[in-house]
Amino acid sequence: MTDRSPAMTSHRPYLLRALYEWIADNGMTPHILVDARLPGVRVPAHAVKDGRIVLNIADRAVAKLDMDNDSVRFSARFGGVSQSVIVPIAAVLAIYARETGQGMALPDDMAGTSTDDALDDDEAMSADTRPALEAVDGDGPDGPPDDEPPPEPRRAHLRVVK
């Protein structure tokens, strides 16, 4: 036997899909933090801040979501214009639930990298590690910057039309 273990495929896309399913199954809104500077990333340039972008990948926010072992692909509306988005798996830095911040920073793919490098539930996207970036939810920002108090939740309103 040799000391080398056989080469395996990246574990990052499997973690991403599992966490996406866990977040969605719990009725939360999955968001991904993306390094928009990496080659192959195709996102709206106007939504990128400091080289990063947060994307809402909930079923209700995107169309034709496809997460394979190489990339995350979908169509979404940005500023009222439908655009195709492509994010290589290597560019996905984290996935988390918008409502709770629970999720995981995806570990790097390196020989000997274990899941010990990932955040555990107590550390998962805590306030100091959660991105303070403009979140994209289809047509625009999804939340206020961390230095502003959160707005009152919007309540549905109906109007009688005769």
Protein backbone atom coordinates (compact mmCIF):
# COMPACT_ATOMS: atom_id res chain seq x y z
CA MET A 1 0.00 0.00 0.00
CA THR A 2 1.10 3.55 -0.60
CA ASP A 3 0.91 6.52 1.75
CA ARG A 4 -1.06 8.46 -0.84
CA SER A 5 -4.81 8.30 -0.78
CA PRO A 6 -6.61 8.17 -4.10
CA ALA A 7 -7.58 11.52 -5.59
CA MET A 8 -11.17 12.45 -4.86
CA THR A 9 -13.47 15.03 -6.37
CA SER A 10 -14.04 18.29 -4.55
CA HIS A 11 -16.28 18.10 -1.49
CA ARG A 12 -17.38 21.75 -1.84
CA PRO A 13 -20.28 21.20 -4.30
CA TYR A 14 -21.65 18.40 -2.11
CA LEU A 15 -21.55 20.60 0.99
CA LEU A 16 -23.15 23.46 -0.95
CA ARG A 17 -26.05 21.30 -2.20
CA ALA A 18 -26.59 19.71 1.22
CA LEU A 19 -26.66 23.06 3.02
CA TYR A 20 -28.94 24.54 0.34
CA GLU A 21 -31.39 21.68 0.89
CA TRP A 22 -31.18 22.00 4.69
CA ILE A 23 -31.87 25.75 4.55
CA ALA A 24 -34.74 25.38 2.06
CA ASP A 25 -36.28 22.44 3.98
CA ASN A 26 -36.43 24.66 7.06
CA GLY A 27 -38.36 27.36 5.18
CA MET A 28 -35.44 29.78 5.15
CA THR A 29 -33.91 31.79 2.30
CA PRO A 30 -30.53 30.46 1.10
CA HIS A 31 -27.94 33.08 0.19
CA ILE A 32 -24.45 32.51 -1.16
CA LEU A 33 -21.44 34.78 -0.71
CA VAL A 34 -19.42 34.89 -3.94
CA ASP A 35 -15.93 36.13 -4.76
CA ALA A 36 -16.80 37.98 -7.97
CA ARG A 37 -13.13 38.54 -8.87
CA LEU A 38 -12.43 34.91 -9.74
CA PRO A 39 -12.35 33.87 -13.40
CA GLY A 40 -15.59 32.48 -14.79
CA VAL A 41 -17.89 34.40 -12.44
CA ARG A 42 -20.73 36.02 -14.35
CA VAL A 43 -22.83 38.30 -12.13
CA PRO A 44 -24.19 41.83 -12.62
CA ALA A 45 -21.20 44.15 -12.15
CA HIS A 46 -23.35 46.90 -10.58
CA ALA A 47 -24.23 44.60 -7.67
CA VAL A 48 -20.63 43.70 -6.78
CA LYS A 49 -19.19 45.45 -3.73
CA ASP A 50 -15.56 45.10 -2.67
CA GLY A 51 -15.19 42.20 -5.10
CA ARG A 52 -17.97 40.19 -3.49
CA ILE A 53 -21.67 39.71 -3.96
CA VAL A 54 -24.40 38.01 -1.94
CA LEU A 55 -26.97 36.20 -4.06
CA ASN A 56 -30.39 34.95 -3.03
CA ILE A 57 -30.72 31.47 -4.57
CA ALA A 58 -34.16 30.59 -3.19
CA ASP A 59 -36.52 28.91 -5.67
CA ARG A 60 -38.82 31.93 -5.60
CA ALA A 61 -35.97 34.33 -6.49
CA VAL A 62 -34.34 32.47 -9.36
CA ALA A 63 -35.27 30.39 -12.39
CA LYS A 64 -33.56 27.26 -13.70
CA LEU A 65 -31.27 26.81 -10.68
CA ASP A 66 -28.59 24.21 -11.44
CA MET A 67 -25.90 23.29 -8.92
CA ASP A 68 -23.52 20.73 -10.35
CA ASN A 69 -19.95 19.85 -9.37
CA ASP A 70 -18.51 22.73 -11.41
CA SER A 71 -20.80 25.71 -10.95
CA VAL A 72 -24.04 27.28 -9.75
CA ARG A 73 -26.14 28.56 -12.66
CA PHE A 74 -29.49 30.33 -12.73
CA SER A 75 -31.45 33.21 -14.22
CA ALA A 76 -32.63 36.10 -12.07
CA ARG A 77 -33.95 39.62 -12.47
CA PHE A 78 -31.64 42.47 -11.54
CA GLY A 79 -33.14 45.93 -11.84
CA GLY A 80 -36.05 44.42 -13.76
CA VAL A 81 -33.79 42.80 -16.37
CA SER A 82 -33.46 39.02 -16.54
CA GLN A 83 -29.82 37.93 -16.52
CA SER A 84 -27.97 34.64 -16.59
CA VAL A 85 -25.71 34.09 -13.58
CA ILE A 86 -22.79 31.65 -13.48
CA VAL A 87 -20.71 31.09 -10.35
CA PRO A 88 -17.92 28.49 -10.38
CA ILE A 89 -17.94 26.39 -7.19
CA ALA A 90 -14.48 27.74 -6.29
CA ALA A 91 -15.97 31.26 -6.13
CA VAL A 92 -18.65 30.33 -3.57
CA LEU A 93 -17.23 31.40 -0.21
CA ALA A 94 -20.22 30.63 2.03
CA ILE A 95 -23.88 29.67 2.14
CA TYR A 96 -26.25 30.77 4.89
CA ALA A 97 -29.91 31.37 5.76
CA ARG A 98 -30.83 35.05 5.47
CA GLU A 99 -33.24 34.88 8.40
CA THR A 100 -30.90 33.30 10.96
CA GLY A 101 -27.40 33.62 9.56
CA GLN A 102 -26.86 29.89 10.10
CA GLY A 103 -24.74 28.28 7.45
CA MET A 104 -21.16 27.53 6.61
CA ALA A 105 -18.09 29.12 5.12
CA LEU A 106 -17.02 26.51 2.57
CA PRO A 107 -13.59 25.05 3.27
CA ASP A 108 -10.84 25.23 0.67
CA ASP A 109 -10.06 22.22 -1.47
CA MET A 110 -6.57 21.23 -0.41
CA ALA A 111 -4.95 17.89 0.25
CA GLY A 112 -5.63 16.96 3.85
CA THR A 113 -8.37 19.56 4.30
CA SER A 114 -11.00 18.29 6.68
CA THR A 115 -14.39 19.53 7.76
CA ASP A 116 -12.71 20.79 10.96
CA ASP A 117 -11.90 23.91 8.92
CA ALA A 118 -15.61 24.64 8.51
CA LEU A 119 -17.58 26.66 11.02
CA ASP A 120 -19.66 24.74 13.55
CA ASP A 121 -23.24 25.68 14.47
CA ASP A 122 -22.18 28.07 17.25
CA GLU A 123 -19.85 29.94 14.93
CA ALA A 124 -21.98 29.65 11.79
CA MET A 125 -22.08 33.04 10.12
CA SER A 126 -22.13 34.94 13.41
CA ALA A 127 -22.53 38.71 13.31
CA ASP A 128 -18.77 39.24 13.07
CA THR A 129 -18.32 36.76 10.19
CA ARG A 130 -21.57 37.45 8.32
CA PRO A 131 -20.90 39.54 5.23
CA ALA A 132 -21.85 43.18 5.55
CA LEU A 133 -22.52 43.47 1.85
CA GLU A 134 -25.38 44.47 -0.35
CA ALA A 135 -27.46 41.32 -0.78
CA VAL A 136 -29.10 40.77 -4.11
CA ASP A 137 -32.65 39.46 -4.02
CA GLY A 138 -33.62 39.54 -7.64
CA ASP A 139 -34.42 43.25 -8.06
CA GLY A 140 -32.18 44.89 -5.47
CA PRO A 141 -30.77 45.08 -1.97
CA ASP A 142 -32.07 42.55 0.48
CA GLY A 143 -31.06 44.10 3.75
CA PRO A 144 -29.61 47.17 5.41
CA PRO A 145 -25.90 47.53 6.12
CA ASP A 146 -24.86 46.38 9.60
CA ASP A 147 -24.49 49.97 10.85
CA GLU A 148 -28.20 50.74 10.38
CA PRO A 149 -31.00 49.36 12.55
CA PRO A 150 -33.22 46.84 10.75
CA PRO A 151 -36.43 48.33 9.36
CA GLU A 152 -39.83 47.29 10.63
CA PRO A 153 -41.03 44.20 8.76
CA ARG A 154 -43.35 45.00 5.90
CA ARG A 155 -46.90 43.98 6.46
CA ALA A 156 -49.11 42.90 3.62
CA HIS A 157 -51.80 45.34 2.70
CA LEU A 158 -54.86 44.90 0.55
CA ARG A 159 -56.87 47.49 -1.26
CA VAL A 160 -60.48 47.12 -2.34
CA VAL A 161 -60.86 47.67 -6.08
CA LYS A 162 -64.38 48.18 -7.43
